[in-house]
Amino acid sequence: MMHRRTFLKATAAAATGGLLTACGREPSAASEAATSAPAHLDRIGVNLFTIPHLLEQDFAGAMAKLAGIGYKELEFFGPYPFSVPEVHARWNAVTGALGFTQSGYFGVSAREVRDLLDGHGLSTPSMHIDLDTLTTRLDNVAEAAHVLGQRYAGPSAIPAEKRQSLDGYKRTADEFNALGMRMQEVGLQLLYHNHGYGLVAMEGEIPLQVFIERTDPTYVVLEMDIYWTTAGGADPIAYLEAYPDHYRLMHIKDMTEVVRFEGDGGDPQQWIELFPYMADAGSGVLDLPRILATARRTGIRHFYLERDRAEDPDTTLQNSYTFLSTVDLDG
């Protein structure tokens, strides 16, 4: 495992144009498989938070649209019918700002969703789900996940009260390890998707690095969001290179210009105010070819387009797919 001092040195080298290495780590089987894969992404996915309005209007039609463009994998977001009541209450409190109300399976049962996916040649490897439901209703989560064929499930946030100190991040890592062990017993693996917080120094250390190095990748895997990693002031390539055993999934969205996330993420408005700076994949300022090539080489298995609540979803889906399906990852 790479220590923080070594990581910071490697990050500095990357900033001056050098390429980070995994510090002599033998490549994992996933890395070797990724290296021998085609030069283009061949199973491009979508996180469904990209198209909630389409799903709310016509769920089956949205599935047909995604398959027709060429997408192969989907990632769902909650709350779900089996989510705890408190999560539904929190969701209802923010839907006014989001502009839509439904989530999960959008009124369709898990079995009906699976039938739709099978009919269109789609699959769903993962879901975003809150910690409360994972912790208290794991059997329900596993039942739905197995119907859909999902392997990964996890939150897109560290609890707000745990973000206030380095010790909070450490305790969260320990709790994630324990939850991940429970999930493994029911055939699932815990994922954690980062946002823009935890990427600047706190008490002399970077919270996300502390969290990563304390989690066991046997039980907890990471889903990198390129946009939020960059907005948080970090280099996506540096993290991919430093922690190849941890990252297995990725959210892809571009930036119209580099902007910085401010705050601890406790207020949803801190995220929402940066939505206008999101861009279709390949149309912004991020070096996506280099990031994606690194991700493919270091073991990312699932690549999801995500542009939160895309204003023009049809254009976003098509333009992003055209870029992602043709970008040269060997260049």
C-alpha atoms as a PDB file:
ATOM      1  CA  MET A   1       0.000   0.000   0.000  1.00  0.00           C
ATOM      2  CA  MET A   2       1.279   3.448  -0.884  1.00  0.00           C
ATOM      3  CA  HIS A   3       1.938   5.666   2.123  1.00  0.00           C
ATOM      4  CA  ARG A   4       0.795   9.268   2.111  1.00  0.00           C
ATOM      5  CA  ARG A   5       4.294  10.731   1.907  1.00  0.00           C
ATOM      6  CA  THR A   6       5.074   8.660  -1.174  1.00  0.00           C
ATOM      7  CA  PHE A   7       1.711   9.538  -2.671  1.00  0.00           C
ATOM      8  CA  LEU A   8       2.298  13.258  -2.267  1.00  0.00           C
ATOM      9  CA  LYS A   9       5.695  12.975  -3.939  1.00  0.00           C
ATOM     10  CA  ALA A  10       4.130  11.081  -6.822  1.00  0.00           C
ATOM     11  CA  THR A  11       1.399  13.670  -7.154  1.00  0.00           C
ATOM     12  CA  ALA A  12       4.002  16.425  -7.381  1.00  0.00           C
ATOM     13  CA  ALA A  13       5.780  14.537 -10.141  1.00  0.00           C
ATOM     14  CA  ALA A  14       2.532  14.220 -12.072  1.00  0.00           C
ATOM     15  CA  ALA A  15       1.899  17.938 -11.772  1.00  0.00           C
ATOM     16  CA  THR A  16       5.205  18.648 -13.493  1.00  0.00           C
ATOM     17  CA  GLY A  17       4.358  16.377 -16.387  1.00  0.00           C
ATOM     18  CA  GLY A  18       5.698  13.068 -15.094  1.00  0.00           C
ATOM     19  CA  LEU A  19       3.674   9.884 -15.177  1.00  0.00           C
ATOM     20  CA  LEU A  20       2.811   8.312 -11.843  1.00  0.00           C
ATOM     21  CA  THR A  21       3.532   4.651 -11.300  1.00  0.00           C
ATOM     22  CA  ALA A  22       2.128   2.228  -8.780  1.00  0.00           C
ATOM     23  CA  CYS A  23       5.441   2.330  -6.897  1.00  0.00           C
ATOM     24  CA  GLY A  24       6.635  -1.072  -7.986  1.00  0.00           C
ATOM     25  CA  ARG A  25       3.311  -2.834  -7.261  1.00  0.00           C
ATOM     26  CA  GLU A  26       2.812  -5.953  -9.336  1.00  0.00           C
ATOM     27  CA  PRO A  27      -0.122  -5.418 -11.732  1.00  0.00           C
ATOM     28  CA  SER A  28      -3.344  -7.031 -10.595  1.00  0.00           C
ATOM     29  CA  ALA A  29      -5.222  -9.521 -12.716  1.00  0.00           C
ATOM     30  CA  ALA A  30      -7.719  -6.757 -13.434  1.00  0.00           C
ATOM     31  CA  SER A  31      -4.924  -4.501 -14.617  1.00  0.00           C
ATOM     32  CA  GLU A  32      -3.523  -7.137 -16.927  1.00  0.00           C
ATOM     33  CA  ALA A  33      -6.971  -7.847 -18.337  1.00  0.00           C
ATOM     34  CA  ALA A  34      -7.564  -4.149 -18.898  1.00  0.00           C
ATOM     35  CA  THR A  35      -4.209  -3.815 -20.654  1.00  0.00           C
ATOM     36  CA  SER A  36      -5.107  -6.537 -23.151  1.00  0.00           C
ATOM     37  CA  ALA A  37      -8.606  -5.157 -23.775  1.00  0.00           C
ATOM     38  CA  PRO A  38      -9.592  -3.289 -26.945  1.00  0.00           C
ATOM     39  CA  ALA A  39      -8.315   0.263 -27.390  1.00  0.00           C
ATOM     40  CA  HIS A  40     -11.862   1.630 -27.038  1.00  0.00           C
ATOM     41  CA  LEU A  41     -14.427   1.299 -24.293  1.00  0.00           C
ATOM     42  CA  ASP A  42     -16.728  -1.520 -25.309  1.00  0.00           C
ATOM     43  CA  ARG A  43     -19.367  -1.604 -22.537  1.00  0.00           C
ATOM     44  CA  ILE A  44     -20.231   2.017 -21.845  1.00  0.00           C
ATOM     45  CA  GLY A  45     -22.718   2.665 -19.068  1.00  0.00           C
ATOM     46  CA  VAL A  46     -24.961   5.428 -17.753  1.00  0.00           C
ATOM     47  CA  ASN A  47     -25.758   6.442 -14.201  1.00  0.00           C
ATOM     48  CA  LEU A  48     -29.479   7.067 -14.378  1.00  0.00           C
ATOM     49  CA  PHE A  49     -29.260  10.362 -12.481  1.00  0.00           C
ATOM     50  CA  THR A  50     -28.319  11.672 -15.937  1.00  0.00           C
ATOM     51  CA  ILE A  51     -31.863  11.161 -17.272  1.00  0.00           C
ATOM     52  CA  PRO A  52     -34.382  11.216 -14.392  1.00  0.00           C
ATOM     53  CA  HIS A  53     -36.917  13.225 -16.374  1.00  0.00           C
ATOM     54  CA  LEU A  54     -36.930  10.699 -19.232  1.00  0.00           C
ATOM     55  CA  LEU A  55     -37.319   7.862 -16.752  1.00  0.00           C
ATOM     56  CA  GLU A  56     -40.162   9.629 -14.958  1.00  0.00           C
ATOM     57  CA  GLN A  57     -41.993  10.234 -18.237  1.00  0.00           C
ATOM     58  CA  ASP A  58     -41.486   6.809 -19.846  1.00  0.00           C
ATOM     59  CA  PHE A  59     -39.270   4.291 -18.079  1.00  0.00           C
ATOM     60  CA  ALA A  60     -39.560   1.566 -20.720  1.00  0.00           C
ATOM     61  CA  GLY A  61     -39.008   4.074 -23.512  1.00  0.00           C
ATOM     62  CA  ALA A  62     -35.878   5.378 -21.794  1.00  0.00           C
ATOM     63  CA  MET A  63     -34.473   1.827 -21.621  1.00  0.00           C
ATOM     64  CA  ALA A  64     -35.096   1.407 -25.345  1.00  0.00           C
ATOM     65  CA  LYS A  65     -33.453   4.763 -26.061  1.00  0.00           C
ATOM     66  CA  LEU A  66     -30.295   3.896 -24.115  1.00  0.00           C
ATOM     67  CA  ALA A  67     -29.956   0.534 -25.818  1.00  0.00           C
ATOM     68  CA  GLY A  68     -30.594   2.057 -29.234  1.00  0.00           C
ATOM     69  CA  ILE A  69     -27.723   4.508 -28.782  1.00  0.00           C
ATOM     70  CA  GLY A  70     -25.399   1.684 -27.739  1.00  0.00           C
ATOM     71  CA  TYR A  71     -25.164   1.859 -23.952  1.00  0.00           C
ATOM     72  CA  LYS A  72     -24.765  -1.509 -22.243  1.00  0.00           C
ATOM     73  CA  GLU A  73     -24.668  -0.911 -18.470  1.00  0.00           C
ATOM     74  CA  LEU A  74     -26.836   1.078 -16.073  1.00  0.00           C
ATOM     75  CA  GLU A  75     -26.341   2.275 -12.518  1.00  0.00           C
ATOM     76  CA  PHE A  76     -29.479   2.981 -10.490  1.00  0.00           C
ATOM     77  CA  PHE A  77     -29.915   5.564  -7.730  1.00  0.00           C
ATOM     78  CA  GLY A  78     -32.233   5.515  -4.706  1.00  0.00           C
ATOM     79  CA  PRO A  79     -34.276   5.706  -2.700  1.00  0.00           C
ATOM     80  CA  TYR A  80     -35.948   2.409  -3.607  1.00  0.00           C
ATOM     81  CA  PRO A  81     -39.225   0.810  -2.524  1.00  0.00           C
ATOM     82  CA  PHE A  82     -37.327  -1.020   0.252  1.00  0.00           C
ATOM     83  CA  SER A  83     -35.390   2.043   1.478  1.00  0.00           C
ATOM     84  CA  VAL A  84     -35.991   3.114   5.083  1.00  0.00           C
ATOM     85  CA  PRO A  85     -38.668   5.795   5.644  1.00  0.00           C
ATOM     86  CA  GLU A  86     -36.145   8.392   6.838  1.00  0.00           C
ATOM     87  CA  VAL A  87     -34.387   8.261   3.476  1.00  0.00           C
ATOM     88  CA  HIS A  88     -37.635   8.798   1.601  1.00  0.00           C
ATOM     89  CA  ALA A  89     -38.326  11.784   3.864  1.00  0.00           C
ATOM     90  CA  ARG A  90     -34.911  13.306   3.137  1.00  0.00           C
ATOM     91  CA  TRP A  91     -35.416  12.681  -0.572  1.00  0.00           C
ATOM     92  CA  ASN A  92     -38.820  14.367  -0.570  1.00  0.00           C
ATOM     93  CA  ALA A  93     -37.240  17.409   1.066  1.00  0.00           C
ATOM     94  CA  VAL A  94     -34.853  17.996  -1.868  1.00  0.00           C
ATOM     95  CA  THR A  95     -36.927  16.972  -4.882  1.00  0.00           C
ATOM     96  CA  GLY A  96     -38.233  20.511  -5.273  1.00  0.00           C
ATOM     97  CA  ALA A  97     -34.714  21.692  -6.044  1.00  0.00           C
ATOM     98  CA  LEU A  98     -34.081  18.737  -8.345  1.00  0.00           C
ATOM     99  CA  GLY A  99     -37.166  19.159 -10.501  1.00  0.00           C
ATOM    100  CA  PHE A 100     -38.366  15.537 -10.412  1.00  0.00           C
ATOM    101  CA  THR A 101     -39.768  13.258  -7.742  1.00  0.00           C
ATOM    102  CA  GLN A 102     -39.220   9.593  -8.601  1.00  0.00           C
ATOM    103  CA  SER A 103     -36.129   7.416  -8.159  1.00  0.00           C
ATOM    104  CA  GLY A 104     -35.137   3.781  -7.818  1.00  0.00           C
ATOM    105  CA  TYR A 105     -37.224   1.765 -10.291  1.00  0.00           C
ATOM    106  CA  PHE A 106     -39.566   4.650 -11.134  1.00  0.00           C
ATOM    107  CA  GLY A 107     -42.710   2.726 -10.237  1.00  0.00           C
ATOM    108  CA  VAL A 108     -41.625  -0.512 -11.911  1.00  0.00           C
ATOM    109  CA  SER A 109     -40.899  -3.671  -9.912  1.00  0.00           C
ATOM    110  CA  ALA A 110     -37.385  -5.111  -9.765  1.00  0.00           C
ATOM    111  CA  ARG A 111     -38.507  -8.143 -11.800  1.00  0.00           C
ATOM    112  CA  GLU A 112     -40.091  -5.934 -14.447  1.00  0.00           C
ATOM    113  CA  VAL A 113     -36.883  -3.876 -14.597  1.00  0.00           C
ATOM    114  CA  ARG A 114     -34.864  -7.067 -15.143  1.00  0.00           C
ATOM    115  CA  ASP A 115     -37.170  -8.152 -17.948  1.00  0.00           C
ATOM    116  CA  LEU A 116     -36.788  -4.778 -19.636  1.00  0.00           C
ATOM    117  CA  LEU A 117     -33.005  -4.919 -19.316  1.00  0.00           C
ATOM    118  CA  ASP A 118     -32.825  -8.423 -20.711  1.00  0.00           C
ATOM    119  CA  GLY A 119     -35.064  -7.465 -23.597  1.00  0.00           C
ATOM    120  CA  HIS A 120     -32.752  -4.632 -24.587  1.00  0.00           C
ATOM    121  CA  GLY A 121     -29.409  -6.327 -23.937  1.00  0.00           C
ATOM    122  CA  LEU A 122     -28.707  -4.121 -20.918  1.00  0.00           C
ATOM    123  CA  SER A 123     -27.232  -4.993 -17.536  1.00  0.00           C
ATOM    124  CA  THR A 124     -26.866  -3.200 -14.201  1.00  0.00           C
ATOM    125  CA  PRO A 125     -23.687  -3.984 -12.275  1.00  0.00           C
ATOM    126  CA  SER A 126     -24.251  -1.466  -9.475  1.00  0.00           C
ATOM    127  CA  MET A 127     -26.595   0.746  -7.496  1.00  0.00           C
ATOM    128  CA  HIS A 128     -26.229   3.830  -5.328  1.00  0.00           C
ATOM    129  CA  ILE A 129     -27.987   3.351  -2.015  1.00  0.00           C
ATOM    130  CA  ASP A 130     -27.915   4.989   1.396  1.00  0.00           C
ATOM    131  CA  LEU A 131     -26.046   3.594   4.387  1.00  0.00           C
ATOM    132  CA  ASP A 132     -29.126   3.423   6.621  1.00  0.00           C
ATOM    133  CA  THR A 133     -30.874   0.993   4.289  1.00  0.00           C
ATOM    134  CA  LEU A 134     -27.725  -1.009   3.645  1.00  0.00           C
ATOM    135  CA  THR A 135     -27.127  -1.382   7.354  1.00  0.00           C
ATOM    136  CA  THR A 136     -30.647  -2.184   8.522  1.00  0.00           C
ATOM    137  CA  ARG A 137     -32.252  -3.824   5.479  1.00  0.00           C
ATOM    138  CA  LEU A 138     -29.376  -5.663   3.852  1.00  0.00           C
ATOM    139  CA  ASP A 139     -31.502  -8.735   3.079  1.00  0.00           C
ATOM    140  CA  ASN A 140     -33.940  -6.566   1.110  1.00  0.00           C
ATOM    141  CA  VAL A 141     -31.085  -4.904  -0.747  1.00  0.00           C
ATOM    142  CA  ALA A 142     -29.527  -8.249  -1.613  1.00  0.00           C
ATOM    143  CA  GLU A 143     -32.834  -9.685  -2.813  1.00  0.00           C
ATOM    144  CA  ALA A 144     -33.384  -6.796  -5.232  1.00  0.00           C
ATOM    145  CA  ALA A 145     -29.754  -6.760  -6.337  1.00  0.00           C
ATOM    146  CA  HIS A 146     -29.789 -10.454  -7.156  1.00  0.00           C
ATOM    147  CA  VAL A 147     -32.978 -10.072  -9.192  1.00  0.00           C
ATOM    148  CA  LEU A 148     -31.290  -7.334 -11.219  1.00  0.00           C
ATOM    149  CA  GLY A 149     -27.861  -8.975 -11.381  1.00  0.00           C
ATOM    150  CA  GLN A 150     -26.084  -6.231  -9.450  1.00  0.00           C
ATOM    151  CA  ARG A 151     -22.788  -6.884  -7.688  1.00  0.00           C
ATOM    152  CA  TYR A 152     -21.889  -3.467  -6.216  1.00  0.00           C
ATOM    153  CA  ALA A 153     -24.002  -1.299  -3.910  1.00  0.00           C
ATOM    154  CA  GLY A 154     -23.082   1.696  -1.837  1.00  0.00           C
ATOM    155  CA  PRO A 155     -23.426   5.364  -0.953  1.00  0.00           C
ATOM    156  CA  SER A 156     -22.253   8.523  -2.655  1.00  0.00           C
ATOM    157  CA  ALA A 157     -21.610  10.305   0.640  1.00  0.00           C
ATOM    158  CA  ILE A 158     -19.822   9.877   3.920  1.00  0.00           C
ATOM    159  CA  PRO A 159     -22.213  10.809   6.761  1.00  0.00           C
ATOM    160  CA  ALA A 160     -22.077  14.557   7.355  1.00  0.00           C
ATOM    161  CA  GLU A 161     -21.129  14.247  11.014  1.00  0.00           C
ATOM    162  CA  LYS A 162     -18.127  12.076  10.055  1.00  0.00           C
ATOM    163  CA  ARG A 163     -16.700  14.694   7.674  1.00  0.00           C
ATOM    164  CA  GLN A 164     -15.818  17.132  10.423  1.00  0.00           C
ATOM    165  CA  SER A 165     -12.570  15.476  11.546  1.00  0.00           C
ATOM    166  CA  LEU A 166      -9.894  13.086  10.388  1.00  0.00           C
ATOM    167  CA  ASP A 167     -11.005  10.689  13.101  1.00  0.00           C
ATOM    168  CA  GLY A 168     -14.472  10.719  11.563  1.00  0.00           C
ATOM    169  CA  TYR A 169     -13.053   9.545   8.241  1.00  0.00           C
ATOM    170  CA  LYS A 170     -11.104   6.801  10.035  1.00  0.00           C
ATOM    171  CA  ARG A 171     -14.177   5.598  11.902  1.00  0.00           C
ATOM    172  CA  THR A 172     -16.156   5.610   8.654  1.00  0.00           C
ATOM    173  CA  ALA A 173     -13.495   3.463   6.976  1.00  0.00           C
ATOM    174  CA  ASP A 174     -13.698   0.949   9.825  1.00  0.00           C
ATOM    175  CA  GLU A 175     -17.491   0.895   9.612  1.00  0.00           C
ATOM    176  CA  PHE A 176     -17.321   0.420   5.829  1.00  0.00           C
ATOM    177  CA  ASN A 177     -14.963  -2.534   6.256  1.00  0.00           C
ATOM    178  CA  ALA A 178     -17.387  -4.166   8.693  1.00  0.00           C
ATOM    179  CA  LEU A 179     -20.389  -3.490   6.457  1.00  0.00           C
ATOM    180  CA  GLY A 180     -18.457  -4.751   3.426  1.00  0.00           C
ATOM    181  CA  MET A 181     -17.795  -8.032   5.225  1.00  0.00           C
ATOM    182  CA  ARG A 182     -21.527  -8.423   5.889  1.00  0.00           C
ATOM    183  CA  MET A 183     -22.338  -7.614   2.282  1.00  0.00           C
ATOM    184  CA  GLN A 184     -19.862 -10.175   0.997  1.00  0.00           C
ATOM    185  CA  GLU A 185     -21.808 -12.850   2.874  1.00  0.00           C
ATOM    186  CA  VAL A 186     -24.871 -12.054   0.742  1.00  0.00           C
ATOM    187  CA  GLY A 187     -22.965 -11.817  -2.524  1.00  0.00           C
ATOM    188  CA  LEU A 188     -22.473  -8.047  -2.728  1.00  0.00           C
ATOM    189  CA  GLN A 189     -19.539  -5.642  -2.525  1.00  0.00           C
ATOM    190  CA  LEU A 190     -19.694  -2.209  -0.929  1.00  0.00           C
ATOM    191  CA  LEU A 191     -18.828   0.734  -3.157  1.00  0.00           C
ATOM    192  CA  TYR A 192     -18.120   4.343  -2.221  1.00  0.00           C
ATOM    193  CA  HIS A 193     -18.498   7.170  -4.728  1.00  0.00           C
ATOM    194  CA  ASN A 194     -16.665  10.392  -3.901  1.00  0.00           C
ATOM    195  CA  HIS A 195     -17.897  13.931  -4.244  1.00  0.00           C
ATOM    196  CA  GLY A 196     -15.845  17.110  -3.916  1.00  0.00           C
ATOM    197  CA  TYR A 197     -15.109  17.095  -0.193  1.00  0.00           C
ATOM    198  CA  GLY A 198     -12.321  15.301   1.658  1.00  0.00           C
ATOM    199  CA  LEU A 199      -9.681  16.221  -0.911  1.00  0.00           C
ATOM    200  CA  VAL A 200      -7.901  19.082   0.855  1.00  0.00           C
ATOM    201  CA  ALA A 201      -5.732  18.810   3.947  1.00  0.00           C
ATOM    202  CA  MET A 202      -7.365  18.419   7.340  1.00  0.00           C
ATOM    203  CA  GLU A 203      -5.209  18.128  10.425  1.00  0.00           C
ATOM    204  CA  GLY A 204      -2.191  17.793   8.146  1.00  0.00           C
ATOM    205  CA  GLU A 205      -3.543  14.912   6.059  1.00  0.00           C
ATOM    206  CA  ILE A 206      -5.900  14.403   3.107  1.00  0.00           C
ATOM    207  CA  PRO A 207      -9.094  12.825   4.462  1.00  0.00           C
ATOM    208  CA  LEU A 208      -9.890  10.779   1.351  1.00  0.00           C
ATOM    209  CA  GLN A 209      -6.384   9.309   1.324  1.00  0.00           C
ATOM    210  CA  VAL A 210      -6.722   8.361   4.984  1.00  0.00           C
ATOM    211  CA  PHE A 211     -10.087   6.777   4.228  1.00  0.00           C
ATOM    212  CA  ILE A 212      -8.787   4.824   1.211  1.00  0.00           C
ATOM    213  CA  GLU A 213      -5.701   3.518   2.986  1.00  0.00           C
ATOM    214  CA  ARG A 214      -7.789   2.348   5.939  1.00  0.00           C
ATOM    215  CA  THR A 215     -10.361   0.456   3.846  1.00  0.00           C
ATOM    216  CA  ASP A 216      -9.795  -3.125   2.727  1.00  0.00           C
ATOM    217  CA  PRO A 217     -10.371  -3.431  -1.047  1.00  0.00           C
ATOM    218  CA  THR A 218     -11.558  -6.988  -0.479  1.00  0.00           C
ATOM    219  CA  TYR A 219     -14.689  -5.483   1.072  1.00  0.00           C
ATOM    220  CA  VAL A 220     -14.806  -1.854  -0.100  1.00  0.00           C
ATOM    221  CA  VAL A 221     -14.211  -0.633  -3.651  1.00  0.00           C
ATOM    222  CA  LEU A 222     -14.173   2.932  -4.932  1.00  0.00           C
ATOM    223  CA  GLU A 223     -16.058   4.609  -7.711  1.00  0.00           C
ATOM    224  CA  MET A 224     -14.191   7.681  -8.914  1.00  0.00           C
ATOM    225  CA  ASP A 225     -16.196  10.646 -10.113  1.00  0.00           C
ATOM    226  CA  ILE A 226     -13.828  12.503 -12.442  1.00  0.00           C
ATOM    227  CA  TYR A 227     -15.704  15.782 -12.188  1.00  0.00           C
ATOM    228  CA  TRP A 228     -15.971  15.907  -8.402  1.00  0.00           C
ATOM    229  CA  THR A 229     -12.411  14.691  -7.913  1.00  0.00           C
ATOM    230  CA  THR A 230     -11.180  17.568 -10.071  1.00  0.00           C
ATOM    231  CA  ALA A 231     -13.553  20.074  -8.448  1.00  0.00           C
ATOM    232  CA  GLY A 232     -12.202  18.977  -5.080  1.00  0.00           C
ATOM    233  CA  GLY A 233      -8.719  20.052  -6.164  1.00  0.00           C
ATOM    234  CA  ALA A 234      -7.261  16.593  -6.824  1.00  0.00           C
ATOM    235  CA  ASP A 235      -5.760  14.882  -9.870  1.00  0.00           C
ATOM    236  CA  PRO A 236      -7.830  11.842 -10.972  1.00  0.00           C
ATOM    237  CA  ILE A 237      -4.799  10.214 -12.598  1.00  0.00           C
ATOM    238  CA  ALA A 238      -2.773  10.535  -9.408  1.00  0.00           C
ATOM    239  CA  TYR A 239      -5.420   8.719  -7.404  1.00  0.00           C
ATOM    240  CA  LEU A 240      -5.912   5.990 -10.025  1.00  0.00           C
ATOM    241  CA  GLU A 241      -2.180   5.359 -10.128  1.00  0.00           C
ATOM    242  CA  ALA A 242      -1.749   5.456  -6.374  1.00  0.00           C
ATOM    243  CA  TYR A 243      -4.639   3.136  -5.494  1.00  0.00           C
ATOM    244  CA  PRO A 244      -5.112   0.607  -8.325  1.00  0.00           C
ATOM    245  CA  ASP A 245      -6.407  -2.053  -5.942  1.00  0.00           C
ATOM    246  CA  HIS A 246      -9.272   0.164  -4.770  1.00  0.00           C
ATOM    247  CA  TYR A 247     -10.850   1.812  -7.840  1.00  0.00           C
ATOM    248  CA  ARG A 248     -13.195  -0.408  -9.882  1.00  0.00           C
ATOM    249  CA  LEU A 249     -15.923   1.926 -11.168  1.00  0.00           C
ATOM    250  CA  MET A 250     -15.940   5.419 -12.665  1.00  0.00           C
ATOM    251  CA  HIS A 251     -18.341   8.290 -13.361  1.00  0.00           C
ATOM    252  CA  ILE A 252     -17.458  10.289 -16.454  1.00  0.00           C
ATOM    253  CA  LYS A 253     -18.484  13.873 -17.014  1.00  0.00           C
ATOM    254  CA  ASP A 254     -16.608  16.825 -18.412  1.00  0.00           C
ATOM    255  CA  MET A 255     -16.181  20.443 -17.245  1.00  0.00           C
ATOM    256  CA  THR A 256     -16.831  23.631 -19.174  1.00  0.00           C
ATOM    257  CA  GLU A 257     -14.069  25.167 -17.032  1.00  0.00           C
ATOM    258  CA  VAL A 258     -12.213  24.028 -13.954  1.00  0.00           C
ATOM    259  CA  VAL A 259     -14.205  25.017 -10.884  1.00  0.00           C
ATOM    260  CA  ARG A 260     -13.638  24.290  -7.222  1.00  0.00           C
ATOM    261  CA  PHE A 261     -15.998  22.679  -4.741  1.00  0.00           C
ATOM    262  CA  GLU A 262     -16.309  24.585  -1.477  1.00  0.00           C
ATOM    263  CA  GLY A 263     -17.679  23.150   1.747  1.00  0.00           C
ATOM    264  CA  ASP A 264     -18.175  19.765   3.374  1.00  0.00           C
ATOM    265  CA  GLY A 265     -21.108  18.655   1.239  1.00  0.00           C
ATOM    266  CA  GLY A 266     -23.616  18.976   4.047  1.00  0.00           C
ATOM    267  CA  ASP A 267     -25.759  21.386   2.045  1.00  0.00           C
ATOM    268  CA  PRO A 268     -26.989  19.943  -1.311  1.00  0.00           C
ATOM    269  CA  GLN A 269     -26.770  23.445  -2.746  1.00  0.00           C
ATOM    270  CA  GLN A 270     -22.961  23.156  -2.587  1.00  0.00           C
ATOM    271  CA  TRP A 271     -23.244  20.457  -5.253  1.00  0.00           C
ATOM    272  CA  ILE A 272     -26.179  21.847  -7.214  1.00  0.00           C
ATOM    273  CA  GLU A 273     -24.486  25.213  -7.806  1.00  0.00           C
ATOM    274  CA  LEU A 274     -21.728  23.420  -9.734  1.00  0.00           C
ATOM    275  CA  PHE A 275     -24.108  21.515 -12.022  1.00  0.00           C
ATOM    276  CA  PRO A 276     -24.029  24.284 -14.702  1.00  0.00           C
ATOM    277  CA  TYR A 277     -20.294  23.682 -15.193  1.00  0.00           C
ATOM    278  CA  MET A 278     -20.833  20.064 -16.229  1.00  0.00           C
ATOM    279  CA  ALA A 279     -20.359  19.219 -19.896  1.00  0.00           C
ATOM    280  CA  ASP A 280     -20.950  16.275 -22.196  1.00  0.00           C
ATOM    281  CA  ALA A 281     -18.061  13.830 -22.288  1.00  0.00           C
ATOM    282  CA  GLY A 282     -15.354  15.116 -24.632  1.00  0.00           C
ATOM    283  CA  SER A 283     -16.745  18.643 -24.949  1.00  0.00           C
ATOM    284  CA  GLY A 284     -15.004  20.254 -21.962  1.00  0.00           C
ATOM    285  CA  VAL A 285     -11.554  20.978 -20.610  1.00  0.00           C
ATOM    286  CA  LEU A 286     -10.715  17.682 -18.872  1.00  0.00           C
ATOM    287  CA  ASP A 287      -8.147  15.386 -20.491  1.00  0.00           C
ATOM    288  CA  LEU A 288     -10.569  12.487 -20.687  1.00  0.00           C
ATOM    289  CA  PRO A 289      -8.507  10.357 -23.107  1.00  0.00           C
ATOM    290  CA  ARG A 290      -5.573  10.308 -20.692  1.00  0.00           C
ATOM    291  CA  ILE A 291      -7.775   9.786 -17.632  1.00  0.00           C
ATOM    292  CA  LEU A 292      -9.712   6.951 -19.281  1.00  0.00           C
ATOM    293  CA  ALA A 293      -6.569   5.287 -20.578  1.00  0.00           C
ATOM    294  CA  THR A 294      -5.145   5.325 -17.064  1.00  0.00           C
ATOM    295  CA  ALA A 295      -8.418   4.003 -15.635  1.00  0.00           C
ATOM    296  CA  ARG A 296      -8.486   1.141 -18.122  1.00  0.00           C
ATOM    297  CA  ARG A 297      -4.871   0.261 -17.351  1.00  0.00           C
ATOM    298  CA  THR A 298      -5.247   0.388 -13.563  1.00  0.00           C
ATOM    299  CA  GLY A 299      -8.303  -1.845 -13.314  1.00  0.00           C
ATOM    300  CA  ILE A 300     -11.528   0.151 -13.720  1.00  0.00           C
ATOM    301  CA  ARG A 301     -14.182  -2.321 -14.824  1.00  0.00           C
ATOM    302  CA  HIS A 302     -17.302  -0.177 -15.229  1.00  0.00           C
ATOM    303  CA  PHE A 303     -17.434   3.217 -16.923  1.00  0.00           C
ATOM    304  CA  TYR A 304     -20.619   5.264 -16.466  1.00  0.00           C
ATOM    305  CA  LEU A 305     -21.516   8.502 -18.164  1.00  0.00           C
ATOM    306  CA  GLU A 306     -23.079  10.804 -15.600  1.00  0.00           C
ATOM    307  CA  ARG A 307     -24.159  14.357 -16.229  1.00  0.00           C
ATOM    308  CA  ASP A 308     -26.455  15.206 -13.348  1.00  0.00           C
ATOM    309  CA  ARG A 309     -29.958  16.012 -14.618  1.00  0.00           C
ATOM    310  CA  ALA A 310     -28.770  16.709 -18.157  1.00  0.00           C
ATOM    311  CA  GLU A 311     -30.688  19.681 -19.544  1.00  0.00           C
ATOM    312  CA  ASP A 312     -30.829  18.121 -23.022  1.00  0.00           C
ATOM    313  CA  PRO A 313     -30.614  14.400 -22.282  1.00  0.00           C
ATOM    314  CA  ASP A 314     -30.960  13.208 -25.864  1.00  0.00           C
ATOM    315  CA  THR A 315     -28.008  15.329 -26.977  1.00  0.00           C
ATOM    316  CA  THR A 316     -25.938  14.454 -23.911  1.00  0.00           C
ATOM    317  CA  LEU A 317     -26.523  10.726 -24.366  1.00  0.00           C
ATOM    318  CA  GLN A 318     -25.693  10.713 -28.061  1.00  0.00           C
ATOM    319  CA  ASN A 319     -22.737  13.096 -28.050  1.00  0.00           C
ATOM    320  CA  SER A 320     -21.157  11.460 -25.024  1.00  0.00           C
ATOM    321  CA  TYR A 321     -21.577   7.971 -26.438  1.00  0.00           C
ATOM    322  CA  THR A 322     -20.020   9.021 -29.737  1.00  0.00           C
ATOM    323  CA  PHE A 323     -16.991  10.367 -27.894  1.00  0.00           C
ATOM    324  CA  LEU A 324     -16.637   7.516 -25.407  1.00  0.00           C
ATOM    325  CA  SER A 325     -17.028   4.770 -28.003  1.00  0.00           C
ATOM    326  CA  THR A 326     -14.369   6.238 -30.287  1.00  0.00           C
ATOM    327  CA  VAL A 327     -11.814   7.826 -27.942  1.00  0.00           C
ATOM    328  CA  ASP A 328      -8.383   6.265 -28.457  1.00  0.00           C
ATOM    329  CA  LEU A 329      -7.178   4.757 -25.186  1.00  0.00           C
ATOM    330  CA  ASP A 330      -3.803   3.697 -26.590  1.00  0.00           C
ATOM    331  CA  GLY A 331      -2.801   7.113 -27.850  1.00  0.00           C
END
